Amino acid sequence: MSGHSKFANIKHKKEKNDAAKGKIFTIIGREIAVAVKEGGADPNNNSRLRDVIAKAKANNMPNDTIDRGIKKAAGDANAVNYETVTYEGYGPNGVAIIVDALTDNKNRTASNVRNAFSKGNGNVGTPGCVSFMFDKKGQIVIDKEECEMDADELMMIALEAGAEDFAEEEDSFEIITDPDDFSAVREALEAAKVPMMEAEVTMIPQTWVSLTDETAIKNLNRTLDMLDEDDDVQAVYHNWDED
């Protein structure tokens, strides 16, 4: 794989999540609720739910918490209805930012997202204003220390299952898939007992923006932190090169 290592951003996100397990569990809990509502409570017949369960396990969510979330979503007719909304905009120096949210109150979420952008001296744009700068891909990251398989064997399993790309980084392996092939590749790795540190469909930047101005960096971090702290926000993607 050529170009920028995408593991840096993932790692940064993971470290932040490790400091806020409650937040990531809330995010996954909402994803479970939406997946169950859309496709039922049986993971065998619901590939989206299988993918969310895999994401939950990658984030060390206890099995009984996962099971409770599925049962609650399946059995509660009065459960909150979450809508998926996406916001796009710009941070300092034209850094592109995409925000995915699951919300029961779009006005509240829109207000909070706009506030996060404006506090960091950025602005929310129109739908599609930055998403063309990203590729939607399945991304699986495997920690080398956790994986007993060698690179060639792992690569063969991934490529035979339909992966587009395989990269060996300093401390990890990274597998990229088309979004439609993500479930099949993830399940092939799961069947081979490969532990996955990250496994999700994500937005990968085509180009990266460097920031050298301290004020711009401070402003962008302020926006990203405010978005991270918002319970409605499920994921934030950006093309800031943090290395």
C-alpha atoms as a PDB file:
ATOM      1  CA  MET A   1       0.000   0.000   0.000  1.00  0.00           C
ATOM      2  CA  SER A   2       1.383   3.386  -0.944  1.00  0.00           C
ATOM      3  CA  GLY A   3       0.786   6.767   0.625  1.00  0.00           C
ATOM      4  CA  HIS A   4       0.004   7.798   4.165  1.00  0.00           C
ATOM      5  CA  SER A   5      -0.395   5.210   6.892  1.00  0.00           C
ATOM      6  CA  LYS A   6      -3.988   5.343   8.025  1.00  0.00           C
ATOM      7  CA  PHE A   7      -3.226   3.661  11.331  1.00  0.00           C
ATOM      8  CA  ALA A   8      -2.147   6.929  12.962  1.00  0.00           C
ATOM      9  CA  ASN A   9      -5.634   8.377  12.978  1.00  0.00           C
ATOM     10  CA  ILE A  10      -7.198   5.118  14.140  1.00  0.00           C
ATOM     11  CA  LYS A  11      -4.670   4.831  16.946  1.00  0.00           C
ATOM     12  CA  HIS A  12      -5.318   8.408  18.051  1.00  0.00           C
ATOM     13  CA  LYS A  13      -9.053   7.686  18.062  1.00  0.00           C
ATOM     14  CA  LYS A  14      -8.536   4.440  19.972  1.00  0.00           C
ATOM     15  CA  GLU A  15      -6.439   6.111  22.671  1.00  0.00           C
ATOM     16  CA  LYS A  16      -9.154   8.714  23.131  1.00  0.00           C
ATOM     17  CA  ASN A  17     -11.791   6.005  23.322  1.00  0.00           C
ATOM     18  CA  ASP A  18      -9.789   4.108  25.922  1.00  0.00           C
ATOM     19  CA  ALA A  19     -10.105   7.183  28.128  1.00  0.00           C
ATOM     20  CA  ALA A  20     -13.853   7.295  27.525  1.00  0.00           C
ATOM     21  CA  LYS A  21     -15.193   3.733  27.470  1.00  0.00           C
ATOM     22  CA  GLY A  22     -18.619   4.969  28.535  1.00  0.00           C
ATOM     23  CA  LYS A  23     -18.835   7.024  25.359  1.00  0.00           C
ATOM     24  CA  ILE A  24     -17.869   4.182  23.008  1.00  0.00           C
ATOM     25  CA  PHE A  25     -20.306   1.824  24.752  1.00  0.00           C
ATOM     26  CA  THR A  26     -23.078   4.412  24.294  1.00  0.00           C
ATOM     27  CA  ILE A  27     -22.204   4.693  20.603  1.00  0.00           C
ATOM     28  CA  ILE A  28     -22.239   0.930  20.102  1.00  0.00           C
ATOM     29  CA  GLY A  29     -25.441   0.562  22.142  1.00  0.00           C
ATOM     30  CA  ARG A  30     -27.215   2.917  19.746  1.00  0.00           C
ATOM     31  CA  GLU A  31     -25.813   1.049  16.743  1.00  0.00           C
ATOM     32  CA  ILE A  32     -27.108  -2.219  18.194  1.00  0.00           C
ATOM     33  CA  ALA A  33     -30.575  -0.680  18.653  1.00  0.00           C
ATOM     34  CA  VAL A  34     -30.675   0.550  15.044  1.00  0.00           C
ATOM     35  CA  ALA A  35     -29.349  -2.749  13.655  1.00  0.00           C
ATOM     36  CA  VAL A  36     -31.937  -4.798  15.598  1.00  0.00           C
ATOM     37  CA  LYS A  37     -34.757  -2.500  14.510  1.00  0.00           C
ATOM     38  CA  GLU A  38     -33.711  -2.767  10.858  1.00  0.00           C
ATOM     39  CA  GLY A  39     -32.892  -6.466  10.640  1.00  0.00           C
ATOM     40  CA  GLY A  40     -34.067  -8.312  13.757  1.00  0.00           C
ATOM     41  CA  ALA A  41     -32.361  -9.645  16.872  1.00  0.00           C
ATOM     42  CA  ASP A  42     -30.771 -12.773  15.385  1.00  0.00           C
ATOM     43  CA  PRO A  43     -27.180 -12.035  14.311  1.00  0.00           C
ATOM     44  CA  ASN A  44     -27.234 -15.104  12.047  1.00  0.00           C
ATOM     45  CA  ASN A  45     -29.827 -13.387   9.865  1.00  0.00           C
ATOM     46  CA  ASN A  46     -28.635  -9.802  10.335  1.00  0.00           C
ATOM     47  CA  SER A  47     -25.201  -8.980   8.913  1.00  0.00           C
ATOM     48  CA  ARG A  48     -25.287  -5.402  10.191  1.00  0.00           C
ATOM     49  CA  LEU A  49     -25.879  -6.652  13.727  1.00  0.00           C
ATOM     50  CA  ARG A  50     -22.995  -9.138  13.324  1.00  0.00           C
ATOM     51  CA  ASP A  51     -20.719  -6.261  12.318  1.00  0.00           C
ATOM     52  CA  VAL A  52     -21.804  -4.147  15.292  1.00  0.00           C
ATOM     53  CA  ILE A  53     -21.215  -7.089  17.658  1.00  0.00           C
ATOM     54  CA  ALA A  54     -17.703  -7.485  16.190  1.00  0.00           C
ATOM     55  CA  LYS A  55     -17.075  -3.771  16.752  1.00  0.00           C
ATOM     56  CA  ALA A  56     -18.333  -4.136  20.324  1.00  0.00           C
ATOM     57  CA  LYS A  57     -15.959  -7.028  20.985  1.00  0.00           C
ATOM     58  CA  ALA A  58     -13.036  -5.132  19.433  1.00  0.00           C
ATOM     59  CA  ASN A  59     -13.755  -2.397  21.990  1.00  0.00           C
ATOM     60  CA  ASN A  60     -13.881  -4.921  24.855  1.00  0.00           C
ATOM     61  CA  MET A  61     -17.599  -4.549  25.466  1.00  0.00           C
ATOM     62  CA  PRO A  62     -18.700  -7.402  27.781  1.00  0.00           C
ATOM     63  CA  ASN A  63     -20.839 -10.121  26.175  1.00  0.00           C
ATOM     64  CA  ASP A  64     -23.635  -9.684  28.704  1.00  0.00           C
ATOM     65  CA  THR A  65     -23.784  -5.947  27.899  1.00  0.00           C
ATOM     66  CA  ILE A  66     -24.082  -6.795  24.186  1.00  0.00           C
ATOM     67  CA  ASP A  67     -26.805  -9.398  24.876  1.00  0.00           C
ATOM     68  CA  ARG A  68     -28.722  -6.970  27.081  1.00  0.00           C
ATOM     69  CA  GLY A  69     -28.601  -4.320  24.382  1.00  0.00           C
ATOM     70  CA  ILE A  70     -29.962  -6.734  21.764  1.00  0.00           C
ATOM     71  CA  LYS A  71     -32.755  -7.982  24.054  1.00  0.00           C
ATOM     72  CA  LYS A  72     -33.704  -4.445  25.041  1.00  0.00           C
ATOM     73  CA  ALA A  73     -33.863  -3.313  21.414  1.00  0.00           C
ATOM     74  CA  ALA A  74     -35.861  -6.390  20.398  1.00  0.00           C
ATOM     75  CA  GLY A  75     -38.330  -6.265  23.266  1.00  0.00           C
ATOM     76  CA  ASP A  76     -38.992  -2.582  23.727  1.00  0.00           C
ATOM     77  CA  ALA A  77     -41.706  -1.361  21.357  1.00  0.00           C
ATOM     78  CA  ASN A  78     -41.383   2.112  22.884  1.00  0.00           C
ATOM     79  CA  ALA A  79     -37.642   2.304  22.288  1.00  0.00           C
ATOM     80  CA  VAL A  80     -36.269   5.636  21.153  1.00  0.00           C
ATOM     81  CA  ASN A  81     -36.180   5.981  17.386  1.00  0.00           C
ATOM     82  CA  TYR A  82     -32.763   7.144  16.269  1.00  0.00           C
ATOM     83  CA  GLU A  83     -32.224   8.845  12.933  1.00  0.00           C
ATOM     84  CA  THR A  84     -28.924   8.815  11.091  1.00  0.00           C
ATOM     85  CA  VAL A  85     -27.681  12.277  10.155  1.00  0.00           C
ATOM     86  CA  THR A  86     -24.397  13.363   8.600  1.00  0.00           C
ATOM     87  CA  TYR A  87     -22.829  16.812   8.717  1.00  0.00           C
ATOM     88  CA  GLU A  88     -19.927  18.030   6.606  1.00  0.00           C
ATOM     89  CA  GLY A  89     -17.777  21.083   7.059  1.00  0.00           C
ATOM     90  CA  TYR A  90     -14.398  22.705   7.385  1.00  0.00           C
ATOM     91  CA  GLY A  91     -11.997  23.254  10.235  1.00  0.00           C
ATOM     92  CA  PRO A  92      -9.033  25.668  10.203  1.00  0.00           C
ATOM     93  CA  ASN A  93      -6.974  25.815   6.966  1.00  0.00           C
ATOM     94  CA  GLY A  94      -9.673  23.931   5.068  1.00  0.00           C
ATOM     95  CA  VAL A  95      -9.387  20.661   7.032  1.00  0.00           C
ATOM     96  CA  ALA A  96     -12.324  18.525   5.878  1.00  0.00           C
ATOM     97  CA  ILE A  97     -14.554  17.083   8.627  1.00  0.00           C
ATOM     98  CA  ILE A  98     -17.444  14.607   8.398  1.00  0.00           C
ATOM     99  CA  VAL A  99     -19.655  13.967  11.428  1.00  0.00           C
ATOM    100  CA  ASP A 100     -21.968  10.935  11.644  1.00  0.00           C
ATOM    101  CA  ALA A 101     -24.674  11.098  14.305  1.00  0.00           C
ATOM    102  CA  LEU A 102     -27.558   8.974  15.573  1.00  0.00           C
ATOM    103  CA  THR A 103     -30.136  11.204  17.182  1.00  0.00           C
ATOM    104  CA  ASP A 104     -33.674  11.378  18.543  1.00  0.00           C
ATOM    105  CA  ASN A 105     -33.643  15.171  18.189  1.00  0.00           C
ATOM    106  CA  LYS A 106     -32.151  16.555  14.978  1.00  0.00           C
ATOM    107  CA  ASN A 107     -32.469  20.193  16.061  1.00  0.00           C
ATOM    108  CA  ARG A 108     -30.416  19.582  19.213  1.00  0.00           C
ATOM    109  CA  THR A 109     -27.760  17.665  17.313  1.00  0.00           C
ATOM    110  CA  ALA A 110     -27.498  20.230  14.510  1.00  0.00           C
ATOM    111  CA  SER A 111     -27.131  23.031  17.051  1.00  0.00           C
ATOM    112  CA  ASN A 112     -24.415  21.169  18.983  1.00  0.00           C
ATOM    113  CA  VAL A 113     -22.473  20.283  15.828  1.00  0.00           C
ATOM    114  CA  ARG A 114     -22.613  23.873  14.523  1.00  0.00           C
ATOM    115  CA  ASN A 115     -21.438  25.108  17.912  1.00  0.00           C
ATOM    116  CA  ALA A 116     -18.475  22.708  17.877  1.00  0.00           C
ATOM    117  CA  PHE A 117     -17.431  23.919  14.419  1.00  0.00           C
ATOM    118  CA  SER A 118     -17.830  27.618  15.235  1.00  0.00           C
ATOM    119  CA  LYS A 119     -15.950  27.347  18.554  1.00  0.00           C
ATOM    120  CA  GLY A 120     -12.989  25.964  16.592  1.00  0.00           C
ATOM    121  CA  ASN A 121     -13.206  28.711  13.972  1.00  0.00           C
ATOM    122  CA  GLY A 122     -14.658  26.362  11.354  1.00  0.00           C
ATOM    123  CA  ASN A 123     -18.029  26.081   9.678  1.00  0.00           C
ATOM    124  CA  VAL A 124     -20.622  23.498   8.700  1.00  0.00           C
ATOM    125  CA  GLY A 125     -21.078  23.270   4.931  1.00  0.00           C
ATOM    126  CA  THR A 126     -23.682  21.794   2.614  1.00  0.00           C
ATOM    127  CA  PRO A 127     -24.160  18.008   2.224  1.00  0.00           C
ATOM    128  CA  GLY A 128     -21.475  16.664  -0.109  1.00  0.00           C
ATOM    129  CA  CYS A 129     -19.106  19.599   0.346  1.00  0.00           C
ATOM    130  CA  VAL A 130     -16.238  17.432   1.642  1.00  0.00           C
ATOM    131  CA  SER A 131     -17.355  13.789   1.378  1.00  0.00           C
ATOM    132  CA  PHE A 132     -16.001  13.584  -2.193  1.00  0.00           C
ATOM    133  CA  MET A 133     -12.526  13.930  -0.627  1.00  0.00           C
ATOM    134  CA  PHE A 134     -12.969  10.619   1.236  1.00  0.00           C
ATOM    135  CA  ASP A 135     -13.395   6.983   0.208  1.00  0.00           C
ATOM    136  CA  LYS A 136     -15.885   4.848   2.104  1.00  0.00           C
ATOM    137  CA  LYS A 137     -14.047   1.628   2.978  1.00  0.00           C
ATOM    138  CA  GLY A 138     -14.118  -1.278   5.385  1.00  0.00           C
ATOM    139  CA  GLN A 139     -11.044  -1.079   7.613  1.00  0.00           C
ATOM    140  CA  ILE A 140      -9.725  -3.798   9.890  1.00  0.00           C
ATOM    141  CA  VAL A 141      -6.701  -3.208  12.124  1.00  0.00           C
ATOM    142  CA  ILE A 142      -4.916  -6.101  13.818  1.00  0.00           C
ATOM    143  CA  ASP A 143      -2.387  -5.594  16.593  1.00  0.00           C
ATOM    144  CA  LYS A 144       0.775  -7.572  15.776  1.00  0.00           C
ATOM    145  CA  GLU A 145       1.299  -8.459  19.440  1.00  0.00           C
ATOM    146  CA  GLU A 146      -2.143 -10.092  19.588  1.00  0.00           C
ATOM    147  CA  CYS A 147      -1.833 -12.005  16.312  1.00  0.00           C
ATOM    148  CA  GLU A 148       0.023 -15.326  16.109  1.00  0.00           C
ATOM    149  CA  MET A 149      -0.327 -15.580  12.326  1.00  0.00           C
ATOM    150  CA  ASP A 150       2.428 -14.377  10.005  1.00  0.00           C
ATOM    151  CA  ALA A 151       1.808 -11.606   7.482  1.00  0.00           C
ATOM    152  CA  ASP A 152       1.605 -13.860   4.396  1.00  0.00           C
ATOM    153  CA  GLU A 153      -0.954 -16.208   5.924  1.00  0.00           C
ATOM    154  CA  LEU A 154      -3.070 -13.321   7.187  1.00  0.00           C
ATOM    155  CA  MET A 155      -2.889 -11.576   3.814  1.00  0.00           C
ATOM    156  CA  MET A 156      -4.026 -14.728   1.967  1.00  0.00           C
ATOM    157  CA  ILE A 157      -7.080 -15.145   4.240  1.00  0.00           C
ATOM    158  CA  ALA A 158      -8.030 -11.494   3.760  1.00  0.00           C
ATOM    159  CA  LEU A 159      -7.525 -11.375  -0.015  1.00  0.00           C
ATOM    160  CA  GLU A 160      -9.294 -14.688  -0.622  1.00  0.00           C
ATOM    161  CA  ALA A 161     -12.283 -13.360   1.343  1.00  0.00           C
ATOM    162  CA  GLY A 162     -12.422 -10.283  -0.908  1.00  0.00           C
ATOM    163  CA  ALA A 163     -10.141  -7.661   0.670  1.00  0.00           C
ATOM    164  CA  GLU A 164      -8.830  -4.908  -1.627  1.00  0.00           C
ATOM    165  CA  ASP A 165      -5.579  -4.168   0.152  1.00  0.00           C
ATOM    166  CA  PHE A 166      -3.291  -5.435   2.909  1.00  0.00           C
ATOM    167  CA  ALA A 167      -0.548  -3.418   4.617  1.00  0.00           C
ATOM    168  CA  GLU A 168       1.996  -4.240   7.278  1.00  0.00           C
ATOM    169  CA  GLU A 169       2.755  -1.302   9.551  1.00  0.00           C
ATOM    170  CA  GLU A 170       5.289  -1.104  12.376  1.00  0.00           C
ATOM    171  CA  ASP A 171       2.984  -2.489  15.051  1.00  0.00           C
ATOM    172  CA  SER A 172      -0.116  -3.562  13.146  1.00  0.00           C
ATOM    173  CA  PHE A 173      -1.628  -5.096  10.040  1.00  0.00           C
ATOM    174  CA  GLU A 174      -4.261  -3.103   8.156  1.00  0.00           C
ATOM    175  CA  ILE A 175      -6.850  -4.569   5.796  1.00  0.00           C
ATOM    176  CA  ILE A 176      -8.975  -2.423   3.461  1.00  0.00           C
ATOM    177  CA  THR A 177     -12.172  -3.677   1.828  1.00  0.00           C
ATOM    178  CA  ASP A 178     -15.017  -2.413  -0.293  1.00  0.00           C
ATOM    179  CA  PRO A 179     -17.928  -1.646   2.098  1.00  0.00           C
ATOM    180  CA  ASP A 180     -19.980  -4.431   0.468  1.00  0.00           C
ATOM    181  CA  ASP A 181     -17.224  -6.993   1.140  1.00  0.00           C
ATOM    182  CA  PHE A 182     -16.444  -5.873   4.691  1.00  0.00           C
ATOM    183  CA  SER A 183     -18.690  -8.398   6.472  1.00  0.00           C
ATOM    184  CA  ALA A 184     -17.341 -11.352   4.476  1.00  0.00           C
ATOM    185  CA  VAL A 185     -13.708 -10.408   5.133  1.00  0.00           C
ATOM    186  CA  ARG A 186     -14.323  -9.737   8.831  1.00  0.00           C
ATOM    187  CA  GLU A 187     -16.140 -13.052   9.241  1.00  0.00           C
ATOM    188  CA  ALA A 188     -13.328 -14.946   7.461  1.00  0.00           C
ATOM    189  CA  LEU A 189     -10.820 -13.451   9.912  1.00  0.00           C
ATOM    190  CA  GLU A 190     -13.120 -14.203  12.834  1.00  0.00           C
ATOM    191  CA  ALA A 191     -13.416 -17.828  11.676  1.00  0.00           C
ATOM    192  CA  ALA A 192      -9.608 -18.009  11.574  1.00  0.00           C
ATOM    193  CA  LYS A 193      -9.543 -16.745  15.196  1.00  0.00           C
ATOM    194  CA  VAL A 194      -7.767 -13.514  14.254  1.00  0.00           C
ATOM    195  CA  PRO A 195      -8.184 -10.873  17.014  1.00  0.00           C
ATOM    196  CA  MET A 196      -9.247  -7.510  15.578  1.00  0.00           C
ATOM    197  CA  MET A 197      -8.413  -4.233  17.302  1.00  0.00           C
ATOM    198  CA  GLU A 198     -10.616  -2.189  14.939  1.00  0.00           C
ATOM    199  CA  ALA A 199     -13.237  -3.459  12.509  1.00  0.00           C
ATOM    200  CA  GLU A 200     -15.626  -0.973  10.929  1.00  0.00           C
ATOM    201  CA  VAL A 201     -16.715   0.786   7.773  1.00  0.00           C
ATOM    202  CA  THR A 202     -15.040   4.175   7.788  1.00  0.00           C
ATOM    203  CA  MET A 203     -14.217   7.217   5.647  1.00  0.00           C
ATOM    204  CA  ILE A 204     -10.577   7.339   4.511  1.00  0.00           C
ATOM    205  CA  PRO A 205      -9.186  10.666   3.223  1.00  0.00           C
ATOM    206  CA  GLN A 206      -7.763  10.763  -0.305  1.00  0.00           C
ATOM    207  CA  THR A 207      -5.415  13.602   0.656  1.00  0.00           C
ATOM    208  CA  TRP A 208      -4.149  14.942   3.971  1.00  0.00           C
ATOM    209  CA  VAL A 209      -3.781  18.467   5.341  1.00  0.00           C
ATOM    210  CA  SER A 210      -0.867  19.453   7.589  1.00  0.00           C
ATOM    211  CA  LEU A 211      -1.227  22.155  10.221  1.00  0.00           C
ATOM    212  CA  THR A 212       1.769  24.069  11.546  1.00  0.00           C
ATOM    213  CA  ASP A 213       0.039  27.069  13.103  1.00  0.00           C
ATOM    214  CA  GLU A 214      -0.448  26.493  16.842  1.00  0.00           C
ATOM    215  CA  THR A 215      -3.727  28.440  16.916  1.00  0.00           C
ATOM    216  CA  ALA A 216      -5.152  26.386  14.049  1.00  0.00           C
ATOM    217  CA  ILE A 217      -4.163  23.136  15.795  1.00  0.00           C
ATOM    218  CA  LYS A 218      -5.703  24.335  19.073  1.00  0.00           C
ATOM    219  CA  ASN A 219      -8.926  25.354  17.293  1.00  0.00           C
ATOM    220  CA  LEU A 220      -9.230  22.062  15.421  1.00  0.00           C
ATOM    221  CA  ASN A 221      -8.628  20.063  18.599  1.00  0.00           C
ATOM    222  CA  ARG A 222     -11.337  22.109  20.312  1.00  0.00           C
ATOM    223  CA  THR A 223     -13.850  21.201  17.581  1.00  0.00           C
ATOM    224  CA  LEU A 224     -12.865  17.517  17.608  1.00  0.00           C
ATOM    225  CA  ASP A 225     -13.025  17.343  21.422  1.00  0.00           C
ATOM    226  CA  MET A 226     -16.487  18.934  21.518  1.00  0.00           C
ATOM    227  CA  LEU A 227     -17.732  16.506  18.863  1.00  0.00           C
ATOM    228  CA  ASP A 228     -16.178  13.560  20.751  1.00  0.00           C
ATOM    229  CA  GLU A 229     -18.012  14.581  23.915  1.00  0.00           C
ATOM    230  CA  ASP A 230     -21.428  14.823  22.216  1.00  0.00           C
ATOM    231  CA  ASP A 231     -23.476  11.679  22.903  1.00  0.00           C
ATOM    232  CA  ASP A 232     -25.302  12.000  19.573  1.00  0.00           C
ATOM    233  CA  VAL A 233     -22.066  11.862  17.580  1.00  0.00           C
ATOM    234  CA  GLN A 234     -21.159   8.349  16.456  1.00  0.00           C
ATOM    235  CA  ALA A 235     -18.032   9.038  14.420  1.00  0.00           C
ATOM    236  CA  VAL A 236     -15.882  11.919  13.224  1.00  0.00           C
ATOM    237  CA  TYR A 237     -13.674  11.683  10.131  1.00  0.00           C
ATOM    238  CA  HIS A 238     -11.127  14.300   9.055  1.00  0.00           C
ATOM    239  CA  ASN A 239      -8.119  14.685   6.805  1.00  0.00           C
ATOM    240  CA  TRP A 240      -5.768  16.380   9.276  1.00  0.00           C
ATOM    241  CA  ASP A 241      -2.366  14.732   9.138  1.00  0.00           C
ATOM    242  CA  GLU A 242      -1.559  14.485  12.852  1.00  0.00           C
ATOM    243  CA  ASP A 243       1.910  12.965  12.431  1.00  0.00           C
END
